[in-house]
Amino acid sequence: MKRKFIRSALVLALLLCAVTGCGQTAAKGGQAKKVVLNEVAHSVFYAPMYVAIEEGYFEEEGIELELVTGFGADKTMTAVLSGEADIGFMGSEASIYTYAGGTDDPVVNFAQLTQRAGNFLVSREPVDHFSWDMLKGQDVLGGRAGGMPEMVFEYILKKHNIDPETDLNIDRSIDFGSTAAAFSGGQGTFTVEFEPHATSLEEKGDGYVVASLGTDSGYVPYTAFSAKNSYLSENPETVQAFTNALQRGLDYVNSHSPEEIAEVIQPQFEETGLSTITAIVARYAGQDTWPKDLVFSEDSFILLENILEESGELPARVPYDELVTTQFAQNAASAG
């Protein structure tokens, strides 16, 4: 009963927000609302969010954004649950794990940003005609067990009739973000890398990108924005304004060239050259990484649970409408 009341109040608030234009009103005359956002990693993969930051979309929507990098979905989720962060940006599997573990205030996904896996398979030697069978008997630097990078990797292996446990040796022990350095140091014959690490390995001559996990896995709800149900219920105008800014960033990347996008987001990656950022953006754009809107569909959620189940990481099926709300994303899409 309490859950139904919260949902009804949220819907009414969102309808009022859509009619009155909450975000724009705040931007024009009201005081900016402080929002702490904890991102799982800092990567060009999340270009639409950085466009929204650099183009001032959050400020225009009345949001004073503080961006913190959590370096792992577990750390980002902990920040959200503790109240250290208002909103988390991570793989949605974290919200499923938290819900399955038991909570009176579940973390709910309200905006999906990426629809493809963002990592790439890097080989130590050049490969002219790569096939996944080439991984049999090899040492591969993977990801954290139970995390989206590793689960999508294993999902692809199984699609090609490769057993992740017996047909190759996957090292899941290396910390997130450290696999590229380990690979450069001589560990593994293949490694699974995000950008900019994949391109960096190529530029140094330490590795060669031979496959895109985003292409080979198909459409996957890889990363989404989420917040505790209580935060969504108590701050619908703020969440709507936040989502509106994200949608504007998404619209930008879907209507501009990699060169233009790279120039906008370069301040977020000062240690990376503009040509490298451009190449990475082009690589992500070429695999259809970013959707047209932020709506997290039920089909995508079911696919995510299928991947979790196949990986042995799903304690029990979770109802879609308990962990996903589409109202904010739908309002943002219709406003554009």
C-alpha atoms as a PDB file:
ATOM      1  CA  MET A   1       0.000   0.000   0.000  1.00  0.00           C
ATOM      2  CA  LYS A   2       2.801   2.361   0.928  1.00  0.00           C
ATOM      3  CA  ARG A   3       4.574   1.505  -2.353  1.00  0.00           C
ATOM      4  CA  LYS A   4       1.434   2.351  -4.362  1.00  0.00           C
ATOM      5  CA  PHE A   5       1.080   5.667  -2.534  1.00  0.00           C
ATOM      6  CA  ILE A   6       4.671   6.641  -3.293  1.00  0.00           C
ATOM      7  CA  ARG A   7       4.224   5.770  -6.956  1.00  0.00           C
ATOM      8  CA  SER A   8       0.988   7.786  -7.192  1.00  0.00           C
ATOM      9  CA  ALA A   9       2.625  10.797  -5.598  1.00  0.00           C
ATOM     10  CA  LEU A  10       5.596  10.478  -7.948  1.00  0.00           C
ATOM     11  CA  VAL A  11       3.387  10.300 -11.040  1.00  0.00           C
ATOM     12  CA  LEU A  12       1.405  13.371  -9.963  1.00  0.00           C
ATOM     13  CA  ALA A  13       4.593  15.310  -9.279  1.00  0.00           C
ATOM     14  CA  LEU A  14       6.041  14.347 -12.645  1.00  0.00           C
ATOM     15  CA  LEU A  15       2.878  15.382 -14.472  1.00  0.00           C
ATOM     16  CA  LEU A  16       2.984  18.751 -12.728  1.00  0.00           C
ATOM     17  CA  CYS A  17       6.668  19.047 -13.571  1.00  0.00           C
ATOM     18  CA  ALA A  18       6.034  18.288 -17.242  1.00  0.00           C
ATOM     19  CA  VAL A  19       3.309  20.944 -17.430  1.00  0.00           C
ATOM     20  CA  THR A  20       5.165  23.679 -15.589  1.00  0.00           C
ATOM     21  CA  GLY A  21       8.681  22.976 -16.906  1.00  0.00           C
ATOM     22  CA  CYS A  22      10.349  22.509 -13.520  1.00  0.00           C
ATOM     23  CA  GLY A  23      13.942  22.438 -14.661  1.00  0.00           C
ATOM     24  CA  GLN A  24      13.695  25.593 -16.776  1.00  0.00           C
ATOM     25  CA  THR A  25      11.863  27.443 -13.987  1.00  0.00           C
ATOM     26  CA  ALA A  26      14.627  26.640 -11.540  1.00  0.00           C
ATOM     27  CA  ALA A  27      17.263  27.759 -14.009  1.00  0.00           C
ATOM     28  CA  LYS A  28      15.631  31.101 -14.699  1.00  0.00           C
ATOM     29  CA  GLY A  29      14.802  32.319 -11.240  1.00  0.00           C
ATOM     30  CA  GLY A  30      15.197  29.704  -8.534  1.00  0.00           C
ATOM     31  CA  GLN A  31      18.210  28.562  -6.555  1.00  0.00           C
ATOM     32  CA  ALA A  32      20.262  25.779  -8.141  1.00  0.00           C
ATOM     33  CA  LYS A  33      19.774  22.361  -6.586  1.00  0.00           C
ATOM     34  CA  LYS A  34      22.951  20.571  -5.496  1.00  0.00           C
ATOM     35  CA  VAL A  35      23.208  16.998  -6.798  1.00  0.00           C
ATOM     36  CA  VAL A  36      26.091  14.643  -5.995  1.00  0.00           C
ATOM     37  CA  LEU A  37      26.560  12.121  -8.807  1.00  0.00           C
ATOM     38  CA  ASN A  38      28.847   9.125  -8.305  1.00  0.00           C
ATOM     39  CA  GLU A  39      29.972   7.552 -11.599  1.00  0.00           C
ATOM     40  CA  VAL A  40      31.342   4.024 -11.761  1.00  0.00           C
ATOM     41  CA  ALA A  41      34.290   5.128 -13.933  1.00  0.00           C
ATOM     42  CA  HIS A  42      35.431   8.127 -15.952  1.00  0.00           C
ATOM     43  CA  SER A  43      35.379   7.141 -19.618  1.00  0.00           C
ATOM     44  CA  VAL A  44      34.639   8.549 -23.064  1.00  0.00           C
ATOM     45  CA  PHE A  45      32.038   5.770 -23.117  1.00  0.00           C
ATOM     46  CA  TYR A  46      29.833   8.171 -21.161  1.00  0.00           C
ATOM     47  CA  ALA A  47      30.240  11.062 -23.598  1.00  0.00           C
ATOM     48  CA  PRO A  48      26.599  12.287 -23.466  1.00  0.00           C
ATOM     49  CA  MET A  49      26.922  12.997 -19.744  1.00  0.00           C
ATOM     50  CA  TYR A  50      30.138  14.958 -20.217  1.00  0.00           C
ATOM     51  CA  VAL A  51      28.603  16.918 -23.085  1.00  0.00           C
ATOM     52  CA  ALA A  52      25.765  17.876 -20.731  1.00  0.00           C
ATOM     53  CA  ILE A  53      28.343  19.033 -18.179  1.00  0.00           C
ATOM     54  CA  GLU A  54      30.585  20.955 -20.559  1.00  0.00           C
ATOM     55  CA  GLU A  55      27.727  22.545 -22.515  1.00  0.00           C
ATOM     56  CA  GLY A  56      26.143  23.788 -19.299  1.00  0.00           C
ATOM     57  CA  TYR A  57      22.922  21.808 -19.659  1.00  0.00           C
ATOM     58  CA  PHE A  58      22.785  20.902 -15.965  1.00  0.00           C
ATOM     59  CA  GLU A  59      23.162  24.547 -14.937  1.00  0.00           C
ATOM     60  CA  GLU A  60      20.477  25.587 -17.394  1.00  0.00           C
ATOM     61  CA  GLU A  61      18.161  23.003 -15.841  1.00  0.00           C
ATOM     62  CA  GLY A  62      18.846  24.362 -12.353  1.00  0.00           C
ATOM     63  CA  ILE A  63      21.289  21.651 -11.236  1.00  0.00           C
ATOM     64  CA  GLU A  64      24.574  22.295  -9.434  1.00  0.00           C
ATOM     65  CA  LEU A  65      26.347  19.035 -10.195  1.00  0.00           C
ATOM     66  CA  GLU A  66      29.183  17.522  -8.189  1.00  0.00           C
ATOM     67  CA  LEU A  67      30.739  14.595 -10.058  1.00  0.00           C
ATOM     68  CA  VAL A  68      32.630  11.927  -8.110  1.00  0.00           C
ATOM     69  CA  THR A  69      34.228   8.790  -9.575  1.00  0.00           C
ATOM     70  CA  GLY A  70      33.599   5.638  -7.566  1.00  0.00           C
ATOM     71  CA  PHE A  71      35.959   3.275  -9.453  1.00  0.00           C
ATOM     72  CA  GLY A  72      33.623   0.276  -9.335  1.00  0.00           C
ATOM     73  CA  ALA A  73      29.892  -0.406  -9.165  1.00  0.00           C
ATOM     74  CA  ASP A  74      30.186  -1.747  -5.626  1.00  0.00           C
ATOM     75  CA  LYS A  75      31.710   1.528  -4.430  1.00  0.00           C
ATOM     76  CA  THR A  76      29.207   3.635  -6.370  1.00  0.00           C
ATOM     77  CA  MET A  77      26.292   1.672  -4.926  1.00  0.00           C
ATOM     78  CA  THR A  78      27.700   2.031  -1.414  1.00  0.00           C
ATOM     79  CA  ALA A  79      27.840   5.804  -1.893  1.00  0.00           C
ATOM     80  CA  VAL A  80      24.174   5.871  -2.970  1.00  0.00           C
ATOM     81  CA  LEU A  81      22.977   3.617  -0.148  1.00  0.00           C
ATOM     82  CA  SER A  82      24.867   5.623   2.491  1.00  0.00           C
ATOM     83  CA  GLY A  83      23.555   8.959   1.213  1.00  0.00           C
ATOM     84  CA  GLU A  84      27.042  10.092   0.253  1.00  0.00           C
ATOM     85  CA  ALA A  85      25.743  10.396  -3.330  1.00  0.00           C
ATOM     86  CA  ASP A  86      22.260  11.391  -4.469  1.00  0.00           C
ATOM     87  CA  ILE A  87      22.482   9.587  -7.814  1.00  0.00           C
ATOM     88  CA  GLY A  88      24.617   6.684  -8.955  1.00  0.00           C
ATOM     89  CA  PHE A  89      25.728   5.858 -12.477  1.00  0.00           C
ATOM     90  CA  MET A  90      26.696   2.216 -12.882  1.00  0.00           C
ATOM     91  CA  GLY A  91      25.674  -1.134 -14.266  1.00  0.00           C
ATOM     92  CA  SER A  92      22.079  -1.913 -13.296  1.00  0.00           C
ATOM     93  CA  GLU A  93      23.084  -5.327 -11.994  1.00  0.00           C
ATOM     94  CA  ALA A  94      24.109  -3.521  -8.790  1.00  0.00           C
ATOM     95  CA  SER A  95      20.515  -2.464  -8.138  1.00  0.00           C
ATOM     96  CA  ILE A  96      19.347  -6.056  -8.641  1.00  0.00           C
ATOM     97  CA  TYR A  97      21.934  -7.411  -6.200  1.00  0.00           C
ATOM     98  CA  THR A  98      20.933  -4.797  -3.618  1.00  0.00           C
ATOM     99  CA  TYR A  99      17.231  -5.540  -4.017  1.00  0.00           C
ATOM    100  CA  ALA A 100      17.794  -9.287  -3.785  1.00  0.00           C
ATOM    101  CA  GLY A 101      19.779  -8.748  -0.602  1.00  0.00           C
ATOM    102  CA  GLY A 102      16.766  -7.109   1.036  1.00  0.00           C
ATOM    103  CA  THR A 103      16.080  -3.381   1.406  1.00  0.00           C
ATOM    104  CA  ASP A 104      13.177  -1.159   2.384  1.00  0.00           C
ATOM    105  CA  ASP A 105      14.436   1.608   0.092  1.00  0.00           C
ATOM    106  CA  PRO A 106      15.492   0.027  -3.210  1.00  0.00           C
ATOM    107  CA  VAL A 107      17.751   1.781  -5.685  1.00  0.00           C
ATOM    108  CA  VAL A 108      15.665   2.437  -8.798  1.00  0.00           C
ATOM    109  CA  ASN A 109      16.969   2.942 -12.336  1.00  0.00           C
ATOM    110  CA  PHE A 110      15.496   5.993 -14.060  1.00  0.00           C
ATOM    111  CA  ALA A 111      17.672   6.653 -17.128  1.00  0.00           C
ATOM    112  CA  GLN A 112      19.669   4.269 -19.338  1.00  0.00           C
ATOM    113  CA  LEU A 113      22.645   5.928 -21.053  1.00  0.00           C
ATOM    114  CA  THR A 114      24.399   3.157 -22.980  1.00  0.00           C
ATOM    115  CA  GLN A 115      22.947   0.265 -24.968  1.00  0.00           C
ATOM    116  CA  ARG A 116      26.152  -1.540 -25.889  1.00  0.00           C
ATOM    117  CA  ALA A 117      29.051  -2.930 -23.895  1.00  0.00           C
ATOM    118  CA  GLY A 118      31.865  -0.405 -23.801  1.00  0.00           C
ATOM    119  CA  ASN A 119      34.877  -2.691 -23.650  1.00  0.00           C
ATOM    120  CA  PHE A 120      37.126  -4.259 -26.246  1.00  0.00           C
ATOM    121  CA  LEU A 121      39.243  -7.368 -26.520  1.00  0.00           C
ATOM    122  CA  VAL A 122      42.925  -6.513 -26.894  1.00  0.00           C
ATOM    123  CA  SER A 123      45.509  -9.013 -28.142  1.00  0.00           C
ATOM    124  CA  ARG A 124      49.212  -8.928 -27.428  1.00  0.00           C
ATOM    125  CA  GLU A 125      49.928  -9.675 -31.077  1.00  0.00           C
ATOM    126  CA  PRO A 126      48.180  -8.422 -34.254  1.00  0.00           C
ATOM    127  CA  VAL A 127      45.368 -10.702 -35.467  1.00  0.00           C
ATOM    128  CA  ASP A 128      44.212 -10.375 -39.065  1.00  0.00           C
ATOM    129  CA  HIS A 129      41.090 -12.522 -38.858  1.00  0.00           C
ATOM    130  CA  PHE A 130      40.016 -12.844 -35.244  1.00  0.00           C
ATOM    131  CA  SER A 131      37.589 -15.510 -34.065  1.00  0.00           C
ATOM    132  CA  TRP A 132      36.562 -16.140 -30.471  1.00  0.00           C
ATOM    133  CA  ASP A 133      37.876 -19.695 -30.690  1.00  0.00           C
ATOM    134  CA  MET A 134      41.355 -18.171 -30.602  1.00  0.00           C
ATOM    135  CA  LEU A 135      40.849 -17.583 -26.853  1.00  0.00           C
ATOM    136  CA  LYS A 136      40.812 -21.297 -26.081  1.00  0.00           C
ATOM    137  CA  GLY A 137      43.782 -22.249 -23.935  1.00  0.00           C
ATOM    138  CA  GLN A 138      44.798 -18.592 -23.500  1.00  0.00           C
ATOM    139  CA  ASP A 139      45.349 -16.406 -20.423  1.00  0.00           C
ATOM    140  CA  VAL A 140      42.886 -13.470 -20.441  1.00  0.00           C
ATOM    141  CA  LEU A 141      42.723 -10.522 -18.061  1.00  0.00           C
ATOM    142  CA  GLY A 142      38.993 -10.181 -17.366  1.00  0.00           C
ATOM    143  CA  GLY A 143      36.870  -8.165 -14.964  1.00  0.00           C
ATOM    144  CA  ARG A 144      35.424  -8.449 -11.495  1.00  0.00           C
ATOM    145  CA  ALA A 145      33.208 -11.506 -11.061  1.00  0.00           C
ATOM    146  CA  GLY A 146      29.567 -10.407 -11.060  1.00  0.00           C
ATOM    147  CA  GLY A 147      30.301  -7.109 -12.822  1.00  0.00           C
ATOM    148  CA  MET A 148      28.868  -6.245 -16.215  1.00  0.00           C
ATOM    149  CA  PRO A 149      32.214  -6.255 -18.098  1.00  0.00           C
ATOM    150  CA  GLU A 150      32.979  -9.811 -17.019  1.00  0.00           C
ATOM    151  CA  MET A 151      29.427 -11.094 -17.392  1.00  0.00           C
ATOM    152  CA  VAL A 152      29.068  -9.720 -20.921  1.00  0.00           C
ATOM    153  CA  PHE A 153      32.443 -11.221 -21.815  1.00  0.00           C
ATOM    154  CA  GLU A 154      31.336 -14.633 -20.549  1.00  0.00           C
ATOM    155  CA  TYR A 155      27.955 -14.204 -22.281  1.00  0.00           C
ATOM    156  CA  ILE A 156      29.799 -13.793 -25.602  1.00  0.00           C
ATOM    157  CA  LEU A 157      32.034 -16.777 -24.918  1.00  0.00           C
ATOM    158  CA  LYS A 158      29.003 -18.982 -24.283  1.00  0.00           C
ATOM    159  CA  LYS A 159      27.362 -17.722 -27.482  1.00  0.00           C
ATOM    160  CA  HIS A 160      30.402 -19.168 -29.269  1.00  0.00           C
ATOM    161  CA  ASN A 161      30.257 -22.456 -27.318  1.00  0.00           C
ATOM    162  CA  ILE A 162      33.292 -21.594 -25.210  1.00  0.00           C
ATOM    163  CA  ASP A 163      33.220 -22.561 -21.527  1.00  0.00           C
ATOM    164  CA  PRO A 164      34.629 -19.629 -19.461  1.00  0.00           C
ATOM    165  CA  GLU A 165      35.744 -21.993 -16.709  1.00  0.00           C
ATOM    166  CA  THR A 166      37.448 -24.772 -18.655  1.00  0.00           C
ATOM    167  CA  ASP A 167      38.354 -23.566 -22.150  1.00  0.00           C
ATOM    168  CA  LEU A 168      40.559 -20.625 -21.097  1.00  0.00           C
ATOM    169  CA  ASN A 169      42.091 -19.048 -18.026  1.00  0.00           C
ATOM    170  CA  ILE A 170      40.356 -15.791 -17.007  1.00  0.00           C
ATOM    171  CA  ASP A 171      42.095 -13.701 -14.346  1.00  0.00           C
ATOM    172  CA  ARG A 172      39.332 -11.898 -12.412  1.00  0.00           C
ATOM    173  CA  SER A 173      41.578 -10.760  -9.553  1.00  0.00           C
ATOM    174  CA  ILE A 174      42.993  -7.498 -10.926  1.00  0.00           C
ATOM    175  CA  ASP A 175      41.405  -4.237  -9.751  1.00  0.00           C
ATOM    176  CA  PHE A 176      39.218  -2.261 -12.120  1.00  0.00           C
ATOM    177  CA  GLY A 177      41.371   0.092 -14.184  1.00  0.00           C
ATOM    178  CA  SER A 178      44.598  -1.806 -13.520  1.00  0.00           C
ATOM    179  CA  THR A 179      44.354  -4.516 -16.161  1.00  0.00           C
ATOM    180  CA  ALA A 180      45.939  -2.380 -18.908  1.00  0.00           C
ATOM    181  CA  ALA A 181      49.027  -1.757 -16.779  1.00  0.00           C
ATOM    182  CA  ALA A 182      49.208  -5.454 -15.925  1.00  0.00           C
ATOM    183  CA  PHE A 183      48.922  -6.329 -19.605  1.00  0.00           C
ATOM    184  CA  SER A 184      51.691  -3.881 -20.498  1.00  0.00           C
ATOM    185  CA  GLY A 185      53.744  -5.524 -17.780  1.00  0.00           C
ATOM    186  CA  GLY A 186      53.486  -8.904 -19.490  1.00  0.00           C
ATOM    187  CA  GLN A 187      50.449 -10.556 -17.903  1.00  0.00           C
ATOM    188  CA  GLY A 188      47.998 -12.336 -20.196  1.00  0.00           C
ATOM    189  CA  THR A 189      47.819 -12.908 -23.929  1.00  0.00           C
ATOM    190  CA  PHE A 190      44.497 -11.039 -24.176  1.00  0.00           C
ATOM    191  CA  THR A 191      42.829  -8.413 -22.015  1.00  0.00           C
ATOM    192  CA  VAL A 192      39.338  -6.907 -21.854  1.00  0.00           C
ATOM    193  CA  GLU A 193      39.654  -3.116 -21.740  1.00  0.00           C
ATOM    194  CA  PHE A 194      37.555   0.039 -21.625  1.00  0.00           C
ATOM    195  CA  GLU A 195      38.605   3.195 -23.343  1.00  0.00           C
ATOM    196  CA  PRO A 196      40.895   5.051 -23.207  1.00  0.00           C
ATOM    197  CA  HIS A 197      42.976   2.028 -22.113  1.00  0.00           C
ATOM    198  CA  ALA A 198      42.314  -0.023 -25.265  1.00  0.00           C
ATOM    199  CA  THR A 199      43.458   2.777 -27.576  1.00  0.00           C
ATOM    200  CA  SER A 200      46.332   3.641 -25.244  1.00  0.00           C
ATOM    201  CA  LEU A 201      47.648   0.074 -25.465  1.00  0.00           C
ATOM    202  CA  GLU A 202      47.491   0.326 -29.256  1.00  0.00           C
ATOM    203  CA  GLU A 203      49.284   3.685 -29.307  1.00  0.00           C
ATOM    204  CA  LYS A 204      52.103   2.289 -27.132  1.00  0.00           C
ATOM    205  CA  GLY A 205      52.391  -0.830 -29.269  1.00  0.00           C
ATOM    206  CA  ASP A 206      51.552  -3.026 -26.283  1.00  0.00           C
ATOM    207  CA  GLY A 207      48.355  -4.441 -27.742  1.00  0.00           C
ATOM    208  CA  TYR A 208      45.893  -4.512 -30.618  1.00  0.00           C
ATOM    209  CA  VAL A 209      42.098  -4.235 -30.481  1.00  0.00           C
ATOM    210  CA  VAL A 210      40.727  -7.341 -32.177  1.00  0.00           C
ATOM    211  CA  ALA A 211      37.039  -7.363 -31.165  1.00  0.00           C
ATOM    212  CA  SER A 212      34.284  -5.158 -29.745  1.00  0.00           C
ATOM    213  CA  LEU A 213      32.278  -6.720 -26.941  1.00  0.00           C
ATOM    214  CA  GLY A 214      29.557  -4.180 -27.685  1.00  0.00           C
ATOM    215  CA  THR A 215      29.190  -5.445 -31.230  1.00  0.00           C
ATOM    216  CA  ASP A 216      29.405  -9.142 -30.394  1.00  0.00           C
ATOM    217  CA  SER A 217      27.055  -9.072 -27.406  1.00  0.00           C
ATOM    218  CA  GLY A 218      24.301  -7.103 -29.136  1.00  0.00           C
ATOM    219  CA  TYR A 219      22.150  -4.515 -27.377  1.00  0.00           C
ATOM    220  CA  VAL A 220      22.672  -4.680 -23.608  1.00  0.00           C
ATOM    221  CA  PRO A 221      21.490  -2.208 -20.919  1.00  0.00           C
ATOM    222  CA  TYR A 222      25.053  -1.594 -19.827  1.00  0.00           C
ATOM    223  CA  THR A 223      24.888   1.511 -17.632  1.00  0.00           C
ATOM    224  CA  ALA A 224      22.073   3.548 -16.105  1.00  0.00           C
ATOM    225  CA  PHE A 225      21.430   6.324 -13.599  1.00  0.00           C
ATOM    226  CA  SER A 226      19.732   5.298 -10.379  1.00  0.00           C
ATOM    227  CA  ALA A 227      18.758   6.638  -6.975  1.00  0.00           C
ATOM    228  CA  LYS A 228      17.045   5.406  -3.854  1.00  0.00           C
ATOM    229  CA  ASN A 229      13.270   5.270  -4.183  1.00  0.00           C
ATOM    230  CA  SER A 230      12.968   7.756  -1.340  1.00  0.00           C
ATOM    231  CA  TYR A 231      15.142  10.282  -3.196  1.00  0.00           C
ATOM    232  CA  LEU A 232      13.063   9.945  -6.373  1.00  0.00           C
ATOM    233  CA  SER A 233       9.839  10.385  -4.402  1.00  0.00           C
ATOM    234  CA  GLU A 234      11.089  13.395  -2.423  1.00  0.00           C
ATOM    235  CA  ASN A 235      12.899  15.160  -5.297  1.00  0.00           C
ATOM    236  CA  PRO A 236      10.950  14.552  -8.526  1.00  0.00           C
ATOM    237  CA  GLU A 237      11.570  18.040  -9.920  1.00  0.00           C
ATOM    238  CA  THR A 238      15.309  17.717  -9.376  1.00  0.00           C
ATOM    239  CA  VAL A 239      15.444  14.258 -10.946  1.00  0.00           C
ATOM    240  CA  GLN A 240      13.399  15.484 -13.910  1.00  0.00           C
ATOM    241  CA  ALA A 241      15.717  18.446 -14.434  1.00  0.00           C
ATOM    242  CA  PHE A 242      18.732  16.118 -14.171  1.00  0.00           C
ATOM    243  CA  THR A 243      17.207  13.763 -16.751  1.00  0.00           C
ATOM    244  CA  ASN A 244      16.348  16.650 -19.066  1.00  0.00           C
ATOM    245  CA  ALA A 245      20.011  17.699 -19.072  1.00  0.00           C
ATOM    246  CA  LEU A 246      21.113  14.137 -19.859  1.00  0.00           C
ATOM    247  CA  GLN A 247      18.662  13.903 -22.753  1.00  0.00           C
ATOM    248  CA  ARG A 248      20.084  17.119 -24.202  1.00  0.00           C
ATOM    249  CA  GLY A 249      23.571  15.599 -23.993  1.00  0.00           C
ATOM    250  CA  LEU A 250      22.288  12.474 -25.709  1.00  0.00           C
ATOM    251  CA  ASP A 251      20.663  14.560 -28.446  1.00  0.00           C
ATOM    252  CA  TYR A 252      23.990  16.322 -28.994  1.00  0.00           C
ATOM    253  CA  VAL A 253      26.075  13.169 -29.491  1.00  0.00           C
ATOM    254  CA  ASN A 254      23.446  11.753 -31.837  1.00  0.00           C
ATOM    255  CA  SER A 255      23.523  14.850 -34.029  1.00  0.00           C
ATOM    256  CA  HIS A 256      27.213  15.849 -34.083  1.00  0.00           C
ATOM    257  CA  SER A 257      30.414  14.415 -35.505  1.00  0.00           C
ATOM    258  CA  PRO A 258      33.049  12.592 -33.422  1.00  0.00           C
ATOM    259  CA  GLU A 259      35.335  15.595 -33.937  1.00  0.00           C
ATOM    260  CA  GLU A 260      32.751  17.986 -32.518  1.00  0.00           C
ATOM    261  CA  ILE A 261      31.932  15.712 -29.588  1.00  0.00           C
ATOM    262  CA  ALA A 262      35.606  15.180 -28.772  1.00  0.00           C
ATOM    263  CA  GLU A 263      36.279  18.913 -28.720  1.00  0.00           C
ATOM    264  CA  VAL A 264      33.419  19.489 -26.281  1.00  0.00           C
ATOM    265  CA  ILE A 265      34.394  16.756 -23.808  1.00  0.00           C
ATOM    266  CA  GLN A 266      38.183  17.185 -23.974  1.00  0.00           C
ATOM    267  CA  PRO A 267      38.274  19.196 -20.676  1.00  0.00           C
ATOM    268  CA  GLN A 268      37.067  16.017 -18.970  1.00  0.00           C
ATOM    269  CA  PHE A 269      40.115  14.131 -20.271  1.00  0.00           C
ATOM    270  CA  GLU A 270      42.978  16.599 -20.091  1.00  0.00           C
ATOM    271  CA  GLU A 271      45.566  13.806 -20.031  1.00  0.00           C
ATOM    272  CA  THR A 272      44.310  12.442 -23.362  1.00  0.00           C
ATOM    273  CA  GLY A 273      45.042  14.057 -26.740  1.00  0.00           C
ATOM    274  CA  LEU A 274      42.191  15.359 -28.864  1.00  0.00           C
ATOM    275  CA  SER A 275      42.954  12.961 -31.717  1.00  0.00           C
ATOM    276  CA  THR A 276      42.768  10.005 -29.331  1.00  0.00           C
ATOM    277  CA  ILE A 277      39.450  11.182 -27.875  1.00  0.00           C
ATOM    278  CA  THR A 278      38.109  11.626 -31.405  1.00  0.00           C
ATOM    279  CA  ALA A 279      39.138   8.084 -32.352  1.00  0.00           C
ATOM    280  CA  ILE A 280      37.473   6.683 -29.230  1.00  0.00           C
ATOM    281  CA  VAL A 281      34.241   8.611 -29.816  1.00  0.00           C
ATOM    282  CA  ALA A 282      34.182   7.395 -33.423  1.00  0.00           C
ATOM    283  CA  ARG A 283      34.686   3.811 -32.246  1.00  0.00           C
ATOM    284  CA  TYR A 284      31.793   4.054 -29.784  1.00  0.00           C
ATOM    285  CA  ALA A 285      29.530   5.881 -32.228  1.00  0.00           C
ATOM    286  CA  GLY A 286      30.285   3.271 -34.878  1.00  0.00           C
ATOM    287  CA  GLN A 287      28.905   0.468 -32.693  1.00  0.00           C
ATOM    288  CA  ASP A 288      25.673   2.375 -31.892  1.00  0.00           C
ATOM    289  CA  THR A 289      26.555   2.847 -28.238  1.00  0.00           C
ATOM    290  CA  TRP A 290      24.142   5.666 -27.392  1.00  0.00           C
ATOM    291  CA  PRO A 291      20.345   5.302 -27.764  1.00  0.00           C
ATOM    292  CA  LYS A 292      17.983   8.054 -28.911  1.00  0.00           C
ATOM    293  CA  ASP A 293      16.382   8.387 -25.497  1.00  0.00           C
ATOM    294  CA  LEU A 294      17.006   7.375 -21.883  1.00  0.00           C
ATOM    295  CA  VAL A 295      14.044   5.019 -21.455  1.00  0.00           C
ATOM    296  CA  PHE A 296      15.027   1.738 -19.786  1.00  0.00           C
ATOM    297  CA  SER A 297      12.669  -0.749 -21.432  1.00  0.00           C
ATOM    298  CA  GLU A 298      11.324  -3.934 -19.890  1.00  0.00           C
ATOM    299  CA  ASP A 299      12.877  -5.996 -22.699  1.00  0.00           C
ATOM    300  CA  SER A 300      16.293  -4.598 -21.800  1.00  0.00           C
ATOM    301  CA  PHE A 301      15.754  -5.402 -18.131  1.00  0.00           C
ATOM    302  CA  ILE A 302      14.753  -8.982 -18.949  1.00  0.00           C
ATOM    303  CA  LEU A 303      17.875  -9.373 -21.098  1.00  0.00           C
ATOM    304  CA  LEU A 304      19.989  -8.088 -18.214  1.00  0.00           C
ATOM    305  CA  GLU A 305      18.456 -10.648 -15.865  1.00  0.00           C
ATOM    306  CA  ASN A 306      19.042 -13.366 -18.461  1.00  0.00           C
ATOM    307  CA  ILE A 307      22.740 -12.463 -18.556  1.00  0.00           C
ATOM    308  CA  LEU A 308      22.917 -12.449 -14.751  1.00  0.00           C
ATOM    309  CA  GLU A 309      21.141 -15.786 -14.543  1.00  0.00           C
ATOM    310  CA  GLU A 310      23.384 -17.364 -17.154  1.00  0.00           C
ATOM    311  CA  SER A 311      26.407 -16.156 -15.193  1.00  0.00           C
ATOM    312  CA  GLY A 312      25.081 -17.682 -11.987  1.00  0.00           C
ATOM    313  CA  GLU A 313      24.855 -14.249 -10.355  1.00  0.00           C
ATOM    314  CA  LEU A 314      21.057 -13.864 -10.086  1.00  0.00           C
ATOM    315  CA  PRO A 315      19.657 -14.988  -6.713  1.00  0.00           C
ATOM    316  CA  ALA A 316      16.057 -14.568  -7.912  1.00  0.00           C
ATOM    317  CA  ARG A 317      14.133 -12.777 -10.656  1.00  0.00           C
ATOM    318  CA  VAL A 318      13.260  -9.182  -9.740  1.00  0.00           C
ATOM    319  CA  PRO A 319      10.099  -7.393 -10.983  1.00  0.00           C
ATOM    320  CA  TYR A 320      10.867  -4.748 -13.598  1.00  0.00           C
ATOM    321  CA  ASP A 321       8.503  -2.172 -12.102  1.00  0.00           C
ATOM    322  CA  GLU A 322      10.206  -2.446  -8.714  1.00  0.00           C
ATOM    323  CA  LEU A 323      13.619  -1.357 -10.005  1.00  0.00           C
ATOM    324  CA  VAL A 324      12.851   0.763 -13.073  1.00  0.00           C
ATOM    325  CA  THR A 325      10.821   3.917 -13.594  1.00  0.00           C
ATOM    326  CA  THR A 326      10.509   5.423 -17.075  1.00  0.00           C
ATOM    327  CA  GLN A 327       8.516   8.558 -16.226  1.00  0.00           C
ATOM    328  CA  PHE A 328      11.515  10.899 -16.049  1.00  0.00           C
ATOM    329  CA  ALA A 329      13.054   9.610 -19.286  1.00  0.00           C
ATOM    330  CA  GLN A 330       9.737   9.713 -21.131  1.00  0.00           C
ATOM    331  CA  ASN A 331       9.117  13.296 -20.029  1.00  0.00           C
ATOM    332  CA  ALA A 332      12.634  14.307 -21.091  1.00  0.00           C
ATOM    333  CA  ALA A 333      12.232  12.675 -24.498  1.00  0.00           C
ATOM    334  CA  SER A 334       8.860  14.295 -25.152  1.00  0.00           C
ATOM    335  CA  ALA A 335      10.164  17.702 -24.048  1.00  0.00           C
ATOM    336  CA  GLY A 336      12.921  17.510 -26.675  1.00  0.00           C
END
